[in-house]
C-alpha cells in the first residue's frame, strides 16, 4: 500500500509541474466609432488613441454600424478573434489564413 501511495504522490507532483499556466485575454474595450475603412473594417479609436479594426459583427448584433449616425459615438465592445481564408483581388482564396476580430456585443456608452 505504501508503494501505491508513493507512486500516486510522485505522479501527482509530475502532473502538477507539467501543467501549463492558462491565461485568459480580456476582449472588452470602450472606444469611439470612426466609420468603415476602405477595406470594409469597422474602425474604433480608444481613449489612448489606439486604433481597433473589426472584420465583422456576430449574427446576434443588431446595431447597424454602416449608418453614419453612429460615427463619433462611444461604445463598449466585446470581441473574439477567428481565422478566415485570405482572398485575393480576383476573389480567389490564396491558401493563407488571416486572424480577424469579430464584435460579439456592442453597447453605446453615454
PDB file of N, CA and C in Angstrom:
ATOM      1  N   UNK A   1       0.822  -1.187   0.000  1.00  0.00           N
ATOM      2  CA  UNK A   1       0.000   0.000   0.000  1.00  0.00           C
ATOM      3  C   UNK A   1       0.871   1.258   0.000  1.00  0.00           C
ATOM      4  N   UNK A   2       1.994   1.198   0.730  1.00  0.00           N
ATOM      5  CA  UNK A   2       2.882   2.355   0.802  1.00  0.00           C
ATOM      6  C   UNK A   2       3.473   2.666  -0.571  1.00  0.00           C
ATOM      7  N   UNK A   3       3.792   1.637  -1.369  1.00  0.00           N
ATOM      8  CA  UNK A   3       4.326   1.844  -2.712  1.00  0.00           C
ATOM      9  C   UNK A   3       3.287   2.494  -3.617  1.00  0.00           C
ATOM     10  N   UNK A   4       2.035   2.095  -3.478  1.00  0.00           N
ATOM     11  CA  UNK A   4       0.956   2.676  -4.286  1.00  0.00           C
ATOM     12  C   UNK A   4       0.776   4.152  -3.948  1.00  0.00           C
ATOM     13  N   UNK A   5       0.812   4.473  -2.652  1.00  0.00           N
ATOM     14  CA  UNK A   5       0.680   5.861  -2.226  1.00  0.00           C
ATOM     15  C   UNK A   5       1.848   6.701  -2.743  1.00  0.00           C
ATOM     16  N   UNK A   6       3.057   6.179  -2.654  1.00  0.00           N
ATOM     17  CA  UNK A   6       4.248   6.891  -3.120  1.00  0.00           C
ATOM     18  C   UNK A   6       4.180   7.109  -4.632  1.00  0.00           C
ATOM     19  N   UNK A   7       3.767   6.097  -5.376  1.00  0.00           N
ATOM     20  CA  UNK A   7       3.655   6.220  -6.833  1.00  0.00           C
ATOM     21  C   UNK A   7       2.598   7.263  -7.207  1.00  0.00           C
ATOM     22  N   UNK A   8       1.485   7.260  -6.501  1.00  0.00           N
ATOM     23  CA  UNK A   8       0.424   8.234  -6.772  1.00  0.00           C
ATOM     24  C   UNK A   8       0.900   9.648  -6.465  1.00  0.00           C
ATOM     25  N   UNK A   9       1.636   9.803  -5.368  1.00  0.00           N
ATOM     26  CA  UNK A   9       2.151  11.116  -4.992  1.00  0.00           C
ATOM     27  C   UNK A   9       3.155  11.625  -6.024  1.00  0.00           C
ATOM     28  N   UNK A  10       4.051  10.771  -6.478  1.00  0.00           N
ATOM     29  CA  UNK A  10       5.029  11.160  -7.497  1.00  0.00           C
ATOM     30  C   UNK A  10       4.326  11.521  -8.802  1.00  0.00           C
ATOM     31  N   UNK A  11       3.327  10.747  -9.189  1.00  0.00           N
ATOM     32  CA  UNK A  11       2.562  11.044 -10.406  1.00  0.00           C
ATOM     33  C   UNK A  11       1.842  12.387 -10.290  1.00  0.00           C
ATOM     34  N   UNK A  12       1.248  12.659  -9.128  1.00  0.00           N
ATOM     35  CA  UNK A  12       0.554  13.928  -8.917  1.00  0.00           C
ATOM     36  C   UNK A  12       1.524  15.111  -9.021  1.00  0.00           C
ATOM     37  N   UNK A  13       2.692  14.971  -8.420  1.00  0.00           N
ATOM     38  CA  UNK A  13       3.688  16.049  -8.467  1.00  0.00           C
ATOM     39  C   UNK A  13       4.169  16.267  -9.900  1.00  0.00           C
ATOM     40  N   UNK A  14       4.390  15.185 -10.639  1.00  0.00           N
ATOM     41  CA  UNK A  14       4.840  15.307 -12.028  1.00  0.00           C
ATOM     42  C   UNK A  14       3.796  16.010 -12.882  1.00  0.00           C
ATOM     43  N   UNK A  15       2.539  15.669 -12.692  1.00  0.00           N
ATOM     44  CA  UNK A  15       1.460  16.311 -13.457  1.00  0.00           C
ATOM     45  C   UNK A  15       1.350  17.783 -13.074  1.00  0.00           C
ATOM     46  N   UNK A  16       1.520  18.094 -11.782  1.00  0.00           N
ATOM     47  CA  UNK A  16       1.426  19.489 -11.324  1.00  0.00           C
ATOM     48  C   UNK A  16       2.491  20.367 -11.974  1.00  0.00           C
ATOM     49  N   UNK A  17       3.708  19.845 -12.091  1.00  0.00           N
ATOM     50  CA  UNK A  17       4.784  20.635 -12.681  1.00  0.00           C
ATOM     51  C   UNK A  17       4.676  20.736 -14.196  1.00  0.00           C
ATOM     52  N   UNK A  18       4.030  19.772 -14.822  1.00  0.00           N
ATOM     53  CA  UNK A  18       3.934  19.802 -16.280  1.00  0.00           C
ATOM     54  C   UNK A  18       2.716  20.587 -16.768  1.00  0.00           C
ATOM     55  N   UNK A  19       1.815  20.932 -15.866  1.00  0.00           N
ATOM     56  CA  UNK A  19       0.613  21.673 -16.268  1.00  0.00           C
ATOM     57  C   UNK A  19       1.009  23.070 -16.736  1.00  0.00           C
ATOM     58  N   UNK A  20       0.401  23.504 -17.810  1.00  0.00           N
ATOM     59  CA  UNK A  20       0.689  24.837 -18.351  1.00  0.00           C
ATOM     60  C   UNK A  20      -0.209  25.863 -17.702  1.00  0.00           C
ATOM     61  N   UNK A  21       0.334  27.033 -17.530  1.00  0.00           N
ATOM     62  CA  UNK A  21      -0.441  28.137 -16.981  1.00  0.00           C
ATOM     63  C   UNK A  21      -1.400  28.634 -18.052  1.00  0.00           C
ATOM     64  N   UNK A  22      -2.661  28.746 -17.697  1.00  0.00           N
ATOM     65  CA  UNK A  22      -3.679  29.204 -18.631  1.00  0.00           C
ATOM     66  C   UNK A  22      -4.013  30.650 -18.292  1.00  0.00           C
ATOM     67  N   UNK A  23      -3.955  31.511 -19.295  1.00  0.00           N
ATOM     68  CA  UNK A  23      -4.334  32.905 -19.095  1.00  0.00           C
ATOM     69  C   UNK A  23      -5.480  33.240 -20.039  1.00  0.00           C
ATOM     70  N   UNK A  24      -6.364  34.071 -19.584  1.00  0.00           N
ATOM     71  CA  UNK A  24      -7.496  34.493 -20.390  1.00  0.00           C
ATOM     72  C   UNK A  24      -7.294  35.943 -20.798  1.00  0.00           C
ATOM     73  N   UNK A  25      -7.534  36.206 -22.050  1.00  0.00           N
ATOM     74  CA  UNK A  25      -7.385  37.562 -22.562  1.00  0.00           C
ATOM     75  C   UNK A  25      -8.712  38.287 -22.415  1.00  0.00           C
ATOM     76  N   UNK A  26      -8.658  39.484 -21.903  1.00  0.00           N
ATOM     77  CA  UNK A  26      -9.854  40.306 -21.763  1.00  0.00           C
ATOM     78  C   UNK A  26     -10.128  40.963 -23.107  1.00  0.00           C
ATOM     79  N   UNK A  27     -11.172  40.534 -23.751  1.00  0.00           N
ATOM     80  CA  UNK A  27     -11.515  41.049 -25.077  1.00  0.00           C
ATOM     81  C   UNK A  27     -12.658  42.041 -24.989  1.00  0.00           C
ATOM     82  N   UNK A  28     -12.528  43.005 -24.101  1.00  0.00           N
ATOM     83  CA  UNK A  28     -13.526  44.049 -23.949  1.00  0.00           C
ATOM     84  C   UNK A  28     -12.820  45.392 -24.005  1.00  0.00           C
ATOM     85  N   UNK A  29     -13.433  46.335 -24.690  1.00  0.00           N
ATOM     86  CA  UNK A  29     -12.864  47.678 -24.730  1.00  0.00           C
ATOM     87  C   UNK A  29     -13.959  48.702 -24.907  1.00  0.00           C
ATOM     88  N   UNK A  30     -13.638  49.933 -24.565  1.00  0.00           N
ATOM     89  CA  UNK A  30     -14.518  51.075 -24.792  1.00  0.00           C
ATOM     90  C   UNK A  30     -13.806  51.972 -25.788  1.00  0.00           C
ATOM     91  N   UNK A  31     -14.489  52.271 -26.907  1.00  0.00           N
ATOM     92  CA  UNK A  31     -13.850  53.056 -27.963  1.00  0.00           C
ATOM     93  C   UNK A  31     -14.900  53.825 -28.743  1.00  0.00           C
ATOM     94  N   UNK A  32     -14.421  54.822 -29.478  1.00  0.00           N
ATOM     95  CA  UNK A  32     -15.288  55.674 -30.302  1.00  0.00           C
ATOM     96  C   UNK A  32     -15.282  55.169 -31.730  1.00  0.00           C
ATOM     97  N   UNK A  33     -16.471  55.041 -32.293  1.00  0.00           N
ATOM     98  CA  UNK A  33     -16.615  54.546 -33.660  1.00  0.00           C
ATOM     99  C   UNK A  33     -16.234  55.638 -34.659  1.00  0.00           C
ATOM    100  N   UNK A  34     -15.385  55.285 -35.629  1.00  0.00           N
ATOM    101  CA  UNK A  34     -14.904  56.242 -36.624  1.00  0.00           C
ATOM    102  C   UNK A  34     -15.378  55.941 -38.037  1.00  0.00           C
ATOM    103  N   UNK A  35     -16.128  54.857 -38.219  1.00  0.00           N
ATOM    104  CA  UNK A  35     -16.660  54.545 -39.540  1.00  0.00           C
ATOM    105  C   UNK A  35     -16.051  53.275 -40.120  1.00  0.00           C
ATOM    106  N   UNK A  36     -16.376  53.038 -41.387  1.00  0.00           N
ATOM    107  CA  UNK A  36     -15.914  51.852 -42.098  1.00  0.00           C
ATOM    108  C   UNK A  36     -14.700  52.239 -42.943  1.00  0.00           C
ATOM    109  N   UNK A  37     -13.634  51.417 -42.899  1.00  0.00           N
ATOM    110  CA  UNK A  37     -12.432  51.688 -43.682  1.00  0.00           C
ATOM    111  C   UNK A  37     -12.666  51.314 -45.139  1.00  0.00           C
ATOM    112  N   UNK A  38     -11.719  51.639 -46.006  1.00  0.00           N
ATOM    113  CA  UNK A  38     -11.847  51.293 -47.422  1.00  0.00           C
ATOM    114  C   UNK A  38     -11.782  49.781 -47.641  1.00  0.00           C
ATOM    115  N   UNK A  39     -11.261  49.048 -46.646  1.00  0.00           N
ATOM    116  CA  UNK A  39     -11.236  47.581 -46.715  1.00  0.00           C
ATOM    117  C   UNK A  39     -12.422  46.950 -45.994  1.00  0.00           C
ATOM    118  N   UNK A  40     -13.422  47.757 -45.664  1.00  0.00           N
ATOM    119  CA  UNK A  40     -14.663  47.319 -45.013  1.00  0.00           C
ATOM    120  C   UNK A  40     -14.484  46.807 -43.588  1.00  0.00           C
ATOM    121  N   UNK A  41     -13.494  47.327 -42.879  1.00  0.00           N
ATOM    122  CA  UNK A  41     -13.344  47.031 -41.456  1.00  0.00           C
ATOM    123  C   UNK A  41     -14.029  48.142 -40.662  1.00  0.00           C
ATOM    124  N   UNK A  42     -14.602  47.769 -39.505  1.00  0.00           N
ATOM    125  CA  UNK A  42     -15.187  48.761 -38.607  1.00  0.00           C
ATOM    126  C   UNK A  42     -14.051  49.340 -37.765  1.00  0.00           C
ATOM    127  N   UNK A  43     -13.890  50.663 -37.798  1.00  0.00           N
ATOM    128  CA  UNK A  43     -12.753  51.328 -37.163  1.00  0.00           C
ATOM    129  C   UNK A  43     -13.193  52.027 -35.887  1.00  0.00           C
ATOM    130  N   UNK A  44     -12.479  51.728 -34.796  1.00  0.00           N
ATOM    131  CA  UNK A  44     -12.718  52.336 -33.491  1.00  0.00           C
ATOM    132  C   UNK A  44     -11.399  52.872 -32.954  1.00  0.00           C
ATOM    133  N   UNK A  45     -11.466  53.967 -32.176  1.00  0.00           N
ATOM    134  CA  UNK A  45     -10.301  54.553 -31.518  1.00  0.00           C
ATOM    135  C   UNK A  45     -10.613  54.621 -30.023  1.00  0.00           C
ATOM    136  N   UNK A  46      -9.706  54.045 -29.192  1.00  0.00           N
ATOM    137  CA  UNK A  46      -9.938  54.096 -27.747  1.00  0.00           C
ATOM    138  C   UNK A  46      -9.389  55.391 -27.156  1.00  0.00           C
ATOM    139  N   UNK A  47      -9.500  55.557 -25.836  1.00  0.00           N
ATOM    140  CA  UNK A  47      -9.077  56.784 -25.166  1.00  0.00           C
ATOM    141  C   UNK A  47      -7.567  57.000 -25.215  1.00  0.00           C
ATOM    142  N   UNK A  48      -6.802  55.934 -25.486  1.00  0.00           N
ATOM    143  CA  UNK A  48      -5.348  56.041 -25.599  1.00  0.00           C
ATOM    144  C   UNK A  48      -4.918  56.272 -27.049  1.00  0.00           C
ATOM    145  N   UNK A  49      -5.878  56.562 -27.910  1.00  0.00           N
ATOM    146  CA  UNK A  49      -5.651  56.842 -29.341  1.00  0.00           C
ATOM    147  C   UNK A  49      -5.158  55.604 -30.109  1.00  0.00           C
ATOM    148  N   UNK A  50      -5.507  54.399 -29.616  1.00  0.00           N
ATOM    149  CA  UNK A  50      -5.151  53.154 -30.289  1.00  0.00           C
ATOM    150  C   UNK A  50      -6.299  52.765 -31.216  1.00  0.00           C
ATOM    151  N   UNK A  51      -5.951  52.447 -32.460  1.00  0.00           N
ATOM    152  CA  UNK A  51      -6.954  52.059 -33.453  1.00  0.00           C
ATOM    153  C   UNK A  51      -7.264  50.563 -33.318  1.00  0.00           C
ATOM    154  N   UNK A  52      -8.547  50.231 -33.374  1.00  0.00           N
ATOM    155  CA  UNK A  52      -9.013  48.845 -33.341  1.00  0.00           C
ATOM    156  C   UNK A  52      -9.882  48.614 -34.571  1.00  0.00           C
ATOM    157  N   UNK A  53      -9.535  47.595 -35.356  1.00  0.00           N
ATOM    158  CA  UNK A  53     -10.287  47.272 -36.560  1.00  0.00           C
ATOM    159  C   UNK A  53     -11.009  45.946 -36.368  1.00  0.00           C
ATOM    160  N   UNK A  54     -12.285  45.916 -36.712  1.00  0.00           N
ATOM    161  CA  UNK A  54     -13.089  44.714 -36.574  1.00  0.00           C
ATOM    162  C   UNK A  54     -13.595  44.288 -37.943  1.00  0.00           C
ATOM    163  N   UNK A  55     -13.476  43.007 -38.219  1.00  0.00           N
ATOM    164  CA  UNK A  55     -13.819  42.445 -39.517  1.00  0.00           C
ATOM    165  C   UNK A  55     -15.329  42.365 -39.728  1.00  0.00           C
ATOM    166  N   UNK A  56     -16.043  41.895 -38.689  1.00  0.00           N
ATOM    167  CA  UNK A  56     -17.487  41.728 -38.841  1.00  0.00           C
ATOM    168  C   UNK A  56     -18.185  41.741 -37.492  1.00  0.00           C
ATOM    169  N   UNK A  57     -19.503  41.589 -37.549  1.00  0.00           N
ATOM    170  CA  UNK A  57     -20.349  41.559 -36.364  1.00  0.00           C
ATOM    171  C   UNK A  57     -20.935  40.165 -36.213  1.00  0.00           C
ATOM    172  N   UNK A  58     -21.088  39.710 -34.978  1.00  0.00           N
ATOM    173  CA  UNK A  58     -21.781  38.456 -34.723  1.00  0.00           C
ATOM    174  C   UNK A  58     -23.214  38.575 -35.243  1.00  0.00           C
ATOM    175  N   UNK A  59     -23.796  37.458 -35.614  1.00  0.00           N
ATOM    176  CA  UNK A  59     -25.147  37.474 -36.180  1.00  0.00           C
ATOM    177  C   UNK A  59     -26.198  37.974 -35.196  1.00  0.00           C
ATOM    178  N   UNK A  60     -25.903  37.959 -33.883  1.00  0.00           N
ATOM    179  CA  UNK A  60     -26.848  38.432 -32.870  1.00  0.00           C
ATOM    180  C   UNK A  60     -26.778  39.934 -32.623  1.00  0.00           C
ATOM    181  N   UNK A  61     -25.788  40.613 -33.205  1.00  0.00           N
ATOM    182  CA  UNK A  61     -25.654  42.061 -33.037  1.00  0.00           C
ATOM    183  C   UNK A  61     -26.623  42.749 -33.991  1.00  0.00           C
ATOM    184  N   UNK A  62     -27.465  43.606 -33.424  1.00  0.00           N
ATOM    185  CA  UNK A  62     -28.486  44.270 -34.222  1.00  0.00           C
ATOM    186  C   UNK A  62     -28.124  45.706 -34.587  1.00  0.00           C
ATOM    187  N   UNK A  63     -27.073  46.244 -34.008  1.00  0.00           N
ATOM    188  CA  UNK A  63     -26.675  47.625 -34.281  1.00  0.00           C
ATOM    189  C   UNK A  63     -26.076  47.725 -35.671  1.00  0.00           C
ATOM    190  N   UNK A  64     -26.552  48.663 -36.480  1.00  0.00           N
ATOM    191  CA  UNK A  64     -26.021  48.847 -37.825  1.00  0.00           C
ATOM    192  C   UNK A  64     -24.891  49.850 -37.838  1.00  0.00           C
ATOM    193  N   UNK A  65     -23.667  49.382 -37.981  1.00  0.00           N
ATOM    194  CA  UNK A  65     -22.522  50.289 -37.986  1.00  0.00           C
ATOM    195  C   UNK A  65     -22.300  50.926 -39.352  1.00  0.00           C
ATOM    196  N   UNK A  66     -23.039  50.507 -40.343  1.00  0.00           N
ATOM    197  CA  UNK A  66     -22.916  51.142 -41.655  1.00  0.00           C
ATOM    198  C   UNK A  66     -23.580  52.520 -41.669  1.00  0.00           C
ATOM    199  N   UNK A  67     -24.442  52.774 -40.685  1.00  0.00           N
ATOM    200  CA  UNK A  67     -25.121  54.064 -40.593  1.00  0.00           C
ATOM    201  C   UNK A  67     -24.165  55.133 -40.095  1.00  0.00           C
ATOM    202  N   UNK A  68     -24.116  56.264 -40.794  1.00  0.00           N
ATOM    203  CA  UNK A  68     -23.247  57.366 -40.389  1.00  0.00           C
ATOM    204  C   UNK A  68     -23.657  57.976 -39.057  1.00  0.00           C
ATOM    205  N   UNK A  69     -24.877  57.726 -38.608  1.00  0.00           N
ATOM    206  CA  UNK A  69     -25.358  58.314 -37.357  1.00  0.00           C
ATOM    207  C   UNK A  69     -24.595  57.794 -36.136  1.00  0.00           C
ATOM    208  N   UNK A  70     -23.903  56.652 -36.261  1.00  0.00           N
ATOM    209  CA  UNK A  70     -23.138  56.100 -35.140  1.00  0.00           C
ATOM    210  C   UNK A  70     -21.695  56.593 -35.085  1.00  0.00           C
ATOM    211  N   UNK A  71     -21.246  57.272 -36.117  1.00  0.00           N
ATOM    212  CA  UNK A  71     -19.875  57.799 -36.130  1.00  0.00           C
ATOM    213  C   UNK A  71     -19.720  58.852 -35.045  1.00  0.00           C
ATOM    214  N   UNK A  72     -18.650  58.736 -34.277  1.00  0.00           N
ATOM    215  CA  UNK A  72     -18.378  59.676 -33.190  1.00  0.00           C
ATOM    216  C   UNK A  72     -18.971  59.261 -31.861  1.00  0.00           C
ATOM    217  N   UNK A  73     -19.758  58.187 -31.837  1.00  0.00           N
ATOM    218  CA  UNK A  73     -20.338  57.706 -30.588  1.00  0.00           C
ATOM    219  C   UNK A  73     -19.404  56.692 -29.939  1.00  0.00           C
ATOM    220  N   UNK A  74     -19.461  56.643 -28.608  1.00  0.00           N
ATOM    221  CA  UNK A  74     -18.608  55.743 -27.832  1.00  0.00           C
ATOM    222  C   UNK A  74     -19.379  54.460 -27.519  1.00  0.00           C
ATOM    223  N   UNK A  75     -18.684  53.309 -27.660  1.00  0.00           N
ATOM    224  CA  UNK A  75     -19.303  52.010 -27.449  1.00  0.00           C
ATOM    225  C   UNK A  75     -18.432  51.130 -26.554  1.00  0.00           C
ATOM    226  N   UNK A  76     -19.090  50.260 -25.801  1.00  0.00           N
ATOM    227  CA  UNK A  76     -18.430  49.189 -25.079  1.00  0.00           C
ATOM    228  C   UNK A  76     -18.547  47.944 -25.959  1.00  0.00           C
ATOM    229  N   UNK A  77     -17.412  47.324 -26.278  1.00  0.00           N
ATOM    230  CA  UNK A  77     -17.361  46.243 -27.258  1.00  0.00           C
ATOM    231  C   UNK A  77     -16.752  44.998 -26.625  1.00  0.00           C
ATOM    232  N   UNK A  78     -17.374  43.867 -26.855  1.00  0.00           N
ATOM    233  CA  UNK A  78     -16.801  42.572 -26.518  1.00  0.00           C
ATOM    234  C   UNK A  78     -16.546  41.869 -27.845  1.00  0.00           C
ATOM    235  N   UNK A  79     -15.345  41.280 -28.001  1.00  0.00           N
ATOM    236  CA  UNK A  79     -14.987  40.699 -29.289  1.00  0.00           C
ATOM    237  C   UNK A  79     -14.176  39.420 -29.108  1.00  0.00           C
ATOM    238  N   UNK A  80     -14.060  38.676 -30.205  1.00  0.00           N
ATOM    239  CA  UNK A  80     -13.216  37.485 -30.215  1.00  0.00           C
ATOM    240  C   UNK A  80     -12.445  37.449 -31.534  1.00  0.00           C
ATOM    241  N   UNK A  81     -11.379  36.670 -31.536  1.00  0.00           N
ATOM    242  CA  UNK A  81     -10.569  36.501 -32.741  1.00  0.00           C
ATOM    243  C   UNK A  81     -10.950  35.193 -33.426  1.00  0.00           C
ATOM    244  N   UNK A  82     -10.800  35.165 -34.744  1.00  0.00           N
ATOM    245  CA  UNK A  82     -11.009  33.936 -35.500  1.00  0.00           C
ATOM    246  C   UNK A  82     -10.182  34.004 -36.771  1.00  0.00           C
ATOM    247  N   UNK A  83      -9.990  32.867 -37.397  1.00  0.00           N
ATOM    248  CA  UNK A  83      -9.217  32.811 -38.634  1.00  0.00           C
ATOM    249  C   UNK A  83     -10.153  32.695 -39.825  1.00  0.00           C
ATOM    250  N   UNK A  84      -9.792  33.408 -40.889  1.00  0.00           N
ATOM    251  CA  UNK A  84     -10.537  33.320 -42.146  1.00  0.00           C
ATOM    252  C   UNK A  84      -9.542  33.075 -43.278  1.00  0.00           C
ATOM    253  N   UNK A  85     -10.041  32.631 -44.406  1.00  0.00           N
ATOM    254  CA  UNK A  85      -9.198  32.454 -45.587  1.00  0.00           C
ATOM    255  C   UNK A  85      -8.963  33.798 -46.252  1.00  0.00           C
ATOM    256  N   UNK A  86      -7.713  34.060 -46.633  1.00  0.00           N
ATOM    257  CA  UNK A  86      -7.383  35.295 -47.336  1.00  0.00           C
ATOM    258  C   UNK A  86      -7.877  35.180 -48.779  1.00  0.00           C
ATOM    259  N   UNK A  87      -8.446  36.260 -49.281  1.00  0.00           N
ATOM    260  CA  UNK A  87      -8.979  36.313 -50.641  1.00  0.00           C
ATOM    261  C   UNK A  87      -8.164  37.332 -51.430  1.00  0.00           C
ATOM    262  N   UNK A  88      -7.771  36.980 -52.657  1.00  0.00           N
ATOM    263  CA  UNK A  88      -7.009  37.923 -53.480  1.00  0.00           C
ATOM    264  C   UNK A  88      -7.959  38.889 -54.197  1.00  0.00           C
ATOM    265  N   UNK A  89      -7.407  39.768 -55.016  1.00  0.00           N
ATOM    266  CA  UNK A  89      -8.202  40.800 -55.686  1.00  0.00           C
ATOM    267  C   UNK A  89      -9.205  40.216 -56.689  1.00  0.00           C
ATOM    268  N   UNK A  90      -8.991  38.982 -57.122  1.00  0.00           N
ATOM    269  CA  UNK A  90      -9.922  38.328 -58.048  1.00  0.00           C
ATOM    270  C   UNK A  90     -11.029  37.567 -57.332  1.00  0.00           C
ATOM    271  N   UNK A  91     -10.945  37.512 -55.998  1.00  0.00           N
ATOM    272  CA  UNK A  91     -11.952  36.788 -55.228  1.00  0.00           C
ATOM    273  C   UNK A  91     -11.610  35.338 -54.975  1.00  0.00           C
ATOM    274  N   UNK A  92     -10.374  34.938 -55.297  1.00  0.00           N
ATOM    275  CA  UNK A  92      -9.939  33.561 -55.084  1.00  0.00           C
ATOM    276  C   UNK A  92      -9.186  33.442 -53.768  1.00  0.00           C
ATOM    277  N   UNK A  93      -9.300  32.264 -53.111  1.00  0.00           N
ATOM    278  CA  UNK A  93      -8.574  32.017 -51.882  1.00  0.00           C
ATOM    279  C   UNK A  93      -7.085  31.871 -52.185  1.00  0.00           C
ATOM    280  N   UNK A  94      -6.247  32.452 -51.331  1.00  0.00           N
ATOM    281  CA  UNK A  94      -4.798  32.402 -51.530  1.00  0.00           C
ATOM    282  C   UNK A  94      -4.147  31.216 -50.825  1.00  0.00           C
ATOM    283  N   UNK A  95      -4.884  30.562 -49.939  1.00  0.00           N
ATOM    284  CA  UNK A  95      -4.315  29.477 -49.155  1.00  0.00           C
ATOM    285  C   UNK A  95      -3.762  29.959 -47.826  1.00  0.00           C
ATOM    286  N   UNK A  96      -3.717  31.259 -47.625  1.00  0.00           N
ATOM    287  CA  UNK A  96      -3.249  31.841 -46.366  1.00  0.00           C
ATOM    288  C   UNK A  96      -4.429  32.114 -45.441  1.00  0.00           C
ATOM    289  N   UNK A  97      -4.142  32.165 -44.157  1.00  0.00           N
ATOM    290  CA  UNK A  97      -5.162  32.460 -43.145  1.00  0.00           C
ATOM    291  C   UNK A  97      -4.887  33.818 -42.536  1.00  0.00           C
ATOM    292  N   UNK A  98      -5.939  34.556 -42.252  1.00  0.00           N
ATOM    293  CA  UNK A  98      -5.857  35.844 -41.562  1.00  0.00           C
ATOM    294  C   UNK A  98      -6.580  35.726 -40.226  1.00  0.00           C
ATOM    295  N   UNK A  99      -6.026  36.351 -39.197  1.00  0.00           N
ATOM    296  CA  UNK A  99      -6.708  36.425 -37.913  1.00  0.00           C
ATOM    297  C   UNK A  99      -7.434  37.761 -37.859  1.00  0.00           C
ATOM    298  N   UNK A 100      -8.745  37.697 -37.659  1.00  0.00           N
ATOM    299  CA  UNK A 100      -9.576  38.898 -37.630  1.00  0.00           C
ATOM    300  C   UNK A 100     -10.365  38.940 -36.325  1.00  0.00           C
ATOM    301  N   UNK A 101     -10.907  40.120 -36.021  1.00  0.00           N
ATOM    302  CA  UNK A 101     -11.712  40.303 -34.822  1.00  0.00           C
ATOM    303  C   UNK A 101     -13.186  40.432 -35.213  1.00  0.00           C
ATOM    304  N   UNK A 102     -14.034  39.731 -34.454  1.00  0.00           N
ATOM    305  CA  UNK A 102     -15.481  39.782 -34.642  1.00  0.00           C
ATOM    306  C   UNK A 102     -16.115  40.409 -33.406  1.00  0.00           C
ATOM    307  N   UNK A 103     -16.982  41.377 -33.595  1.00  0.00           N
ATOM    308  CA  UNK A 103     -17.693  42.005 -32.481  1.00  0.00           C
ATOM    309  C   UNK A 103     -18.807  41.066 -32.035  1.00  0.00           C
ATOM    310  N   UNK A 104     -18.759  40.680 -30.751  1.00  0.00           N
ATOM    311  CA  UNK A 104     -19.784  39.798 -30.186  1.00  0.00           C
ATOM    312  C   UNK A 104     -20.938  40.576 -29.583  1.00  0.00           C
ATOM    313  N   UNK A 105     -20.606  41.632 -28.844  1.00  0.00           N
ATOM    314  CA  UNK A 105     -21.622  42.527 -28.280  1.00  0.00           C
ATOM    315  C   UNK A 105     -21.122  43.954 -28.410  1.00  0.00           C
ATOM    316  N   UNK A 106     -22.055  44.865 -28.572  1.00  0.00           N
ATOM    317  CA  UNK A 106     -21.718  46.283 -28.654  1.00  0.00           C
ATOM    318  C   UNK A 106     -22.851  47.084 -28.058  1.00  0.00           C
ATOM    319  N   UNK A 107     -22.500  47.961 -27.093  1.00  0.00           N
ATOM    320  CA  UNK A 107     -23.487  48.766 -26.395  1.00  0.00           C
ATOM    321  C   UNK A 107     -22.978  50.194 -26.353  1.00  0.00           C
ATOM    322  N   UNK A 108     -23.851  51.145 -26.685  1.00  0.00           N
ATOM    323  CA  UNK A 108     -23.441  52.547 -26.659  1.00  0.00           C
ATOM    324  C   UNK A 108     -23.250  53.003 -25.216  1.00  0.00           C
ATOM    325  N   UNK A 109     -22.156  53.727 -24.978  1.00  0.00           N
ATOM    326  CA  UNK A 109     -21.830  54.287 -23.666  1.00  0.00           C
ATOM    327  C   UNK A 109     -22.225  55.752 -23.678  1.00  0.00           C
ATOM    328  N   UNK A 110     -22.901  56.187 -22.647  1.00  0.00           N
ATOM    329  CA  UNK A 110     -23.343  57.587 -22.609  1.00  0.00           C
ATOM    330  C   UNK A 110     -22.536  58.389 -21.630  1.00  0.00           C
TER     331      UNK A 110
END
